[in-house]
Amino acid sequence: MYVSPNSLKLASPETNYLAIKNRSSSETENVWKYWNKASSLLTNFVSDHQKEVNSVKNTLKKGKELGVNFYEQAKESLDALKEAVEPFTEALFNEPELDFIIAKADEVGIKAIQSALSVVFPASDCFVYEKKIDQHVAHQPVGFTAARQSVFECTKAVINSKENLNNPILSIQPFLVEIEDEWFLMNCVALRDVTLEIQLLTYSQTMRIPTKYVEAAREATPVGYRFESSGFMISAIDYMKEDLFFNSEDWYIYKTDRFASTLRILESCVIAVLGEYAMERKIRKNLEIPTNK
């Protein structure tokens, strides 16, 4: 059905205002009515259960007082404990910054020492001993005895220089060892602390060397070589590098198709020595810990 716009009768603004006002007034009266009823019920509930309400207030007050007392007692106990153990923790765990002297190590060995120090003594540093050290061991030591002699000679040279005697000394010497007709390269790692009278020595994991390179180093060593009894004049690793056409100092990366490296093997070995050294330092400093009277 069509409705003409002219036939629609719209309410005037005055009429609309009065309708809204009357409706709002009615709704407001209903809200207040419900609010007064709810307030009355709540007041009656509190009045009927005043005893229980007071009991809850008293319980909360006592709990607060107990909490404060417990906190104060716990704080006093912790302060007393801190005062008792402070001299021990200071002596055992507050390590000073140490400067390690590297008496002997090749390029990979120096990197391994730096990496290991960042793990065990992160606040410490190291530097290479620059003066020439006269050794009485072959350029390529063979056997444990020759390796030990090499690191001990280097350590002794630093000590005899009378310089930096308060610094711990590290030395690393690669050497060859024959085990049941197989040749292996190992590393002898030594640490010496003159002040605390600590001397540590350990050996790294073995790395297999093909016999042909060892034989080449043996044949290249002339008869009558001054240090012939302790090893070879030429390094077996040099022959391996020449044969396999690589120049990297970390030859074991190439030998193991990058699944292992001399750096990682040496790093774990140096970390072990530094860990032992850290414990030995604590044991010796423990003797100087003051006792509380």
Protein backbone atom coordinates (compact mmCIF):
# COMPACT_ATOMS: atom_id res chain seq x y z
CA MET A 1 0.00 0.00 0.00
CA TYR A 2 1.39 3.36 -0.97
CA VAL A 3 1.47 6.04 1.67
CA SER A 4 1.93 9.60 0.63
CA PRO A 5 4.58 11.53 2.60
CA ASN A 6 2.10 14.35 2.93
CA SER A 7 -0.31 12.07 4.81
CA LEU A 8 2.24 11.29 7.62
CA LYS A 9 1.78 13.28 10.84
CA LEU A 10 4.99 13.63 12.80
CA ALA A 11 4.95 14.40 16.53
CA SER A 12 6.15 17.82 17.49
CA PRO A 13 9.51 18.24 19.35
CA GLU A 14 7.63 19.26 22.50
CA THR A 15 5.62 16.01 22.46
CA ASN A 16 8.76 13.85 22.03
CA TYR A 17 10.55 15.62 24.94
CA LEU A 18 7.66 15.04 27.34
CA ALA A 19 7.47 11.35 26.42
CA ILE A 20 11.21 10.83 27.02
CA LYS A 21 11.07 12.78 30.31
CA ASN A 22 8.18 10.72 31.65
CA ARG A 23 9.90 7.43 30.68
CA SER A 24 13.24 8.46 32.21
CA SER A 25 11.56 9.53 35.44
CA SER A 26 9.81 6.19 35.71
CA GLU A 27 13.00 4.19 35.11
CA THR A 28 14.94 6.26 37.66
CA GLU A 29 12.31 5.63 40.32
CA ASN A 30 12.60 1.87 39.67
CA VAL A 31 16.40 1.93 40.03
CA TRP A 32 16.28 3.76 43.35
CA LYS A 33 13.59 1.40 44.56
CA TYR A 34 15.83 -1.66 43.91
CA TRP A 35 18.91 0.08 45.39
CA ASN A 36 17.09 0.93 48.65
CA LYS A 37 15.87 -2.64 48.91
CA ALA A 38 19.42 -4.05 48.38
CA SER A 39 20.89 -1.62 50.93
CA SER A 40 18.27 -2.61 53.47
CA LEU A 41 19.03 -6.29 52.98
CA LEU A 42 22.81 -5.72 53.32
CA THR A 43 22.36 -3.65 56.49
CA ASN A 44 20.18 -6.32 58.03
CA PHE A 45 22.72 -9.04 57.12
CA VAL A 46 25.60 -7.16 58.75
CA SER A 47 23.51 -6.44 61.82
CA ASP A 48 22.47 -10.08 62.17
CA HIS A 49 26.08 -11.32 61.71
CA GLN A 50 27.99 -8.57 63.52
CA LYS A 51 29.74 -11.10 65.72
CA GLU A 52 31.13 -13.01 62.73
CA VAL A 53 32.22 -9.77 61.02
CA ASN A 54 34.14 -8.65 64.13
CA SER A 55 35.79 -12.06 64.34
CA VAL A 56 37.03 -11.78 60.76
CA LYS A 57 38.41 -8.28 61.45
CA ASN A 58 40.29 -9.50 64.53
CA THR A 59 41.72 -12.46 62.61
CA LEU A 60 42.98 -10.21 59.82
CA LYS A 61 44.54 -7.84 62.34
CA LYS A 62 46.36 -10.66 64.13
CA GLY A 63 47.52 -12.12 60.81
CA LYS A 64 48.98 -8.77 59.84
CA GLU A 65 50.83 -8.48 63.14
CA LEU A 66 52.15 -12.03 62.81
CA GLY A 67 53.28 -11.32 59.26
CA VAL A 68 55.22 -8.26 60.35
CA ASN A 69 56.83 -10.15 63.23
CA PHE A 70 57.77 -13.07 60.93
CA TYR A 71 59.31 -10.71 58.38
CA GLU A 72 61.38 -8.94 61.04
CA GLN A 73 62.61 -12.23 62.53
CA ALA A 74 63.47 -13.64 59.09
CA LYS A 75 65.34 -10.46 58.16
CA GLU A 76 67.37 -10.60 61.39
CA SER A 77 68.26 -14.25 60.74
CA LEU A 78 69.33 -13.56 57.14
CA ASP A 79 71.44 -10.57 58.21
CA ALA A 80 73.18 -12.73 60.82
CA LEU A 81 73.81 -15.49 58.27
CA LYS A 82 75.20 -13.00 55.76
CA GLU A 83 77.55 -11.57 58.38
CA ALA A 84 78.76 -15.06 59.29
CA VAL A 85 79.51 -16.30 55.75
CA GLU A 86 80.75 -13.05 54.20
CA PRO A 87 84.45 -13.67 55.00
CA PHE A 88 84.23 -17.15 53.47
CA THR A 89 82.49 -16.07 50.28
CA GLU A 90 84.94 -13.20 49.86
CA ALA A 91 87.95 -15.48 50.11
CA LEU A 92 86.53 -18.32 48.02
CA PHE A 93 84.57 -16.73 45.21
CA ASN A 94 85.77 -13.18 44.61
CA GLU A 95 88.55 -14.06 42.20
CA PRO A 96 90.86 -11.20 41.22
CA GLU A 97 91.60 -10.39 37.63
CA LEU A 98 94.53 -12.55 36.54
CA ASP A 99 96.98 -12.06 33.70
CA PHE A 100 98.15 -15.43 32.43
CA ILE A 101 101.53 -15.69 30.72
CA ILE A 102 101.68 -17.98 27.70
CA ALA A 103 105.20 -19.38 27.75
CA LYS A 104 104.69 -21.59 24.71
CA ALA A 105 101.79 -22.26 22.31
CA ASP A 106 101.18 -22.14 18.58
CA GLU A 107 98.42 -20.12 16.93
CA VAL A 108 95.68 -22.67 17.69
CA GLY A 109 96.95 -23.11 21.25
CA ILE A 110 96.73 -19.36 21.94
CA LYS A 111 93.14 -19.26 20.65
CA ALA A 112 92.27 -22.27 22.81
CA ILE A 113 93.71 -20.56 25.92
CA GLN A 114 91.80 -17.34 25.21
CA SER A 115 88.55 -19.25 24.72
CA ALA A 116 89.07 -21.36 27.86
CA LEU A 117 89.85 -18.30 29.98
CA SER A 118 86.55 -16.72 28.94
CA VAL A 119 84.81 -19.75 30.46
CA VAL A 120 86.73 -20.29 33.71
CA PHE A 121 88.20 -16.82 34.42
CA PRO A 122 86.09 -14.41 32.35
CA ALA A 123 87.62 -11.33 34.01
CA SER A 124 91.17 -12.45 33.21
CA ASP A 125 93.45 -11.93 30.23
CA CYS A 126 96.60 -13.46 28.77
CA PHE A 127 99.72 -12.38 26.93
CA VAL A 128 102.50 -14.22 25.13
CA TYR A 129 105.99 -14.25 26.62
CA GLU A 130 108.05 -12.47 23.97
CA LYS A 131 111.62 -13.31 24.96
CA LYS A 132 113.43 -16.14 23.20
CA ILE A 133 113.58 -19.40 25.13
CA ASP A 134 116.48 -21.77 24.58
CA GLN A 135 115.20 -25.35 24.60
CA HIS A 136 116.95 -28.70 24.63
CA VAL A 137 114.14 -30.62 22.95
CA ALA A 138 113.55 -31.50 19.30
CA HIS A 139 111.36 -29.24 17.16
CA GLN A 140 108.94 -32.17 16.87
CA PRO A 141 108.96 -33.89 20.28
CA VAL A 142 108.20 -37.61 20.34
CA GLY A 143 106.90 -39.23 23.53
CA PHE A 144 105.56 -38.02 26.86
CA THR A 145 108.99 -37.41 28.37
CA ALA A 146 110.04 -35.02 25.58
CA ALA A 147 106.73 -33.14 25.79
CA ARG A 148 107.04 -32.71 29.56
CA GLN A 149 110.61 -31.52 29.22
CA SER A 150 109.55 -28.91 26.65
CA VAL A 151 106.76 -27.32 28.75
CA PHE A 152 108.89 -27.42 31.91
CA GLU A 153 111.80 -25.70 30.17
CA CYS A 154 109.52 -22.93 28.90
CA THR A 155 107.93 -22.45 32.31
CA LYS A 156 111.33 -22.38 34.01
CA ALA A 157 112.63 -19.77 31.55
CA VAL A 158 109.77 -17.42 32.45
CA ILE A 159 110.36 -17.96 36.18
CA ASN A 160 114.10 -17.39 35.86
CA SER A 161 113.46 -14.07 34.14
CA LYS A 162 112.17 -12.83 37.53
CA GLU A 163 109.42 -10.96 35.71
CA ASN A 164 105.71 -11.22 36.51
CA LEU A 165 106.20 -13.96 39.08
CA ASN A 166 102.71 -13.33 40.42
CA ASN A 167 101.18 -14.39 37.10
CA PRO A 168 100.20 -18.01 36.39
CA ILE A 169 102.11 -19.51 33.45
CA LEU A 170 100.59 -21.70 30.71
CA SER A 171 102.46 -23.84 28.16
CA ILE A 172 101.20 -26.12 25.38
CA GLN A 173 103.44 -28.54 23.49
CA PRO A 174 102.15 -30.77 20.66
CA PHE A 175 103.99 -34.11 20.44
CA LEU A 176 103.90 -37.46 18.66
CA VAL A 177 103.31 -40.77 20.38
CA GLU A 178 103.33 -44.29 18.95
CA ILE A 179 100.70 -46.74 20.24
CA GLU A 180 100.76 -50.27 18.82
CA ASP A 181 102.25 -49.28 15.44
CA GLU A 182 99.87 -46.32 15.11
CA TRP A 183 100.99 -42.71 15.39
CA PHE A 184 99.02 -40.00 17.15
CA LEU A 185 99.42 -36.32 17.90
CA MET A 186 98.70 -35.17 21.45
CA ASN A 187 99.16 -31.95 23.39
CA CYS A 188 100.83 -31.54 26.75
CA VAL A 189 99.27 -28.68 28.74
CA ALA A 190 101.07 -27.33 31.83
CA LEU A 191 100.12 -24.60 34.32
CA ARG A 192 102.39 -23.16 37.02
CA ASP A 193 101.60 -20.65 39.76
CA VAL A 194 104.78 -19.79 41.65
CA THR A 195 103.09 -17.70 44.35
CA LEU A 196 100.57 -20.38 45.36
CA GLU A 197 102.97 -23.26 44.55
CA ILE A 198 100.54 -24.88 42.12
CA GLN A 199 101.78 -27.07 39.25
CA LEU A 200 99.35 -28.91 36.97
CA LEU A 201 99.96 -31.08 33.92
CA THR A 202 97.57 -32.90 31.60
CA TYR A 203 97.29 -34.31 28.07
CA SER A 204 94.76 -33.81 25.33
CA GLN A 205 92.78 -36.31 23.30
CA THR A 206 94.75 -38.17 20.62
CA MET A 207 94.55 -37.27 16.91
CA ARG A 208 95.65 -39.93 14.45
CA ILE A 209 98.55 -39.13 12.11
CA PRO A 210 99.14 -41.31 9.03
CA THR A 211 102.42 -43.15 9.46
CA LYS A 212 103.83 -41.93 6.15
CA TYR A 213 104.04 -38.35 7.44
CA VAL A 214 105.86 -39.46 10.59
CA GLU A 215 108.30 -41.47 8.48
CA ALA A 216 108.88 -38.45 6.25
CA ALA A 217 109.73 -36.33 9.31
CA ARG A 218 112.05 -39.05 10.59
CA GLU A 219 113.89 -39.35 7.25
CA ALA A 220 114.25 -35.57 6.99
CA THR A 221 115.99 -35.42 10.36
CA PRO A 222 119.76 -35.61 9.69
CA VAL A 223 121.96 -38.11 11.48
CA GLY A 224 123.67 -36.44 14.39
CA TYR A 225 120.82 -33.97 14.92
CA ARG A 226 121.49 -32.33 18.28
CA PHE A 227 118.14 -33.31 19.80
CA GLU A 228 117.66 -36.55 17.93
CA SER A 229 116.94 -38.49 21.12
CA SER A 230 113.83 -36.41 21.85
CA GLY A 231 112.24 -36.31 18.40
CA PHE A 232 112.53 -34.98 14.84
CA MET A 233 113.87 -31.76 13.35
CA ILE A 234 110.83 -31.42 11.04
CA SER A 235 107.17 -31.51 12.07
CA ALA A 236 105.06 -34.33 10.66
CA ILE A 237 102.17 -31.87 10.36
CA ASP A 238 104.17 -29.79 7.89
CA TYR A 239 104.41 -32.78 5.55
CA MET A 240 100.69 -33.43 5.93
CA LYS A 241 99.84 -29.83 5.04
CA GLU A 242 102.06 -29.97 1.96
CA ASP A 243 100.54 -33.26 0.84
CA LEU A 244 96.90 -32.26 1.40
CA PHE A 245 97.30 -28.70 0.09
CA PHE A 246 96.00 -26.68 3.03
CA ASN A 247 97.57 -23.87 5.01
CA SER A 248 95.34 -23.68 8.08
CA GLU A 249 96.99 -24.25 11.44
CA ASP A 250 94.00 -26.33 12.49
CA TRP A 251 94.82 -29.32 10.27
CA TYR A 252 92.39 -31.61 12.11
CA ILE A 253 89.41 -29.78 10.60
CA TYR A 254 90.48 -31.02 7.16
CA LYS A 255 91.44 -34.43 8.44
CA THR A 256 87.95 -35.03 9.93
CA ASP A 257 85.89 -33.34 7.20
CA ARG A 258 85.15 -30.49 9.65
CA PHE A 259 83.46 -32.73 12.23
CA ALA A 260 86.26 -32.07 14.74
CA SER A 261 89.05 -29.57 15.23
CA THR A 262 92.31 -29.17 17.11
CA LEU A 263 90.93 -25.97 18.62
CA ARG A 264 87.95 -27.70 20.24
CA ILE A 265 90.08 -30.57 21.54
CA LEU A 266 92.65 -28.19 23.01
CA GLU A 267 89.98 -25.88 24.41
CA SER A 268 88.36 -28.65 26.46
CA CYS A 269 91.79 -29.71 27.75
CA VAL A 270 92.75 -26.17 28.82
CA ILE A 271 89.34 -25.67 30.45
CA ALA A 272 89.97 -28.79 32.53
CA VAL A 273 93.38 -27.50 33.66
CA LEU A 274 92.00 -24.05 34.48
CA GLY A 275 89.12 -25.64 36.39
CA GLU A 276 91.59 -27.62 38.50
CA TYR A 277 93.59 -24.45 39.02
CA ALA A 278 90.50 -22.55 40.16
CA MET A 279 89.75 -25.25 42.73
CA GLU A 280 93.37 -25.36 43.94
CA ARG A 281 93.31 -21.58 44.41
CA LYS A 282 90.21 -21.89 46.60
CA ILE A 283 91.73 -24.70 48.65
CA ARG A 284 94.89 -22.69 49.34
CA LYS A 285 92.99 -19.49 50.07
CA ASN A 286 90.75 -21.45 52.41
CA LEU A 287 93.70 -21.74 54.78
CA GLU A 288 93.71 -17.95 55.11
CA ILE A 289 89.99 -17.49 55.76
CA PRO A 290 89.45 -15.62 59.04
CA THR A 291 87.25 -17.29 61.64
CA ASN A 292 84.45 -15.46 63.46
CA LYS A 293 84.85 -15.40 67.21
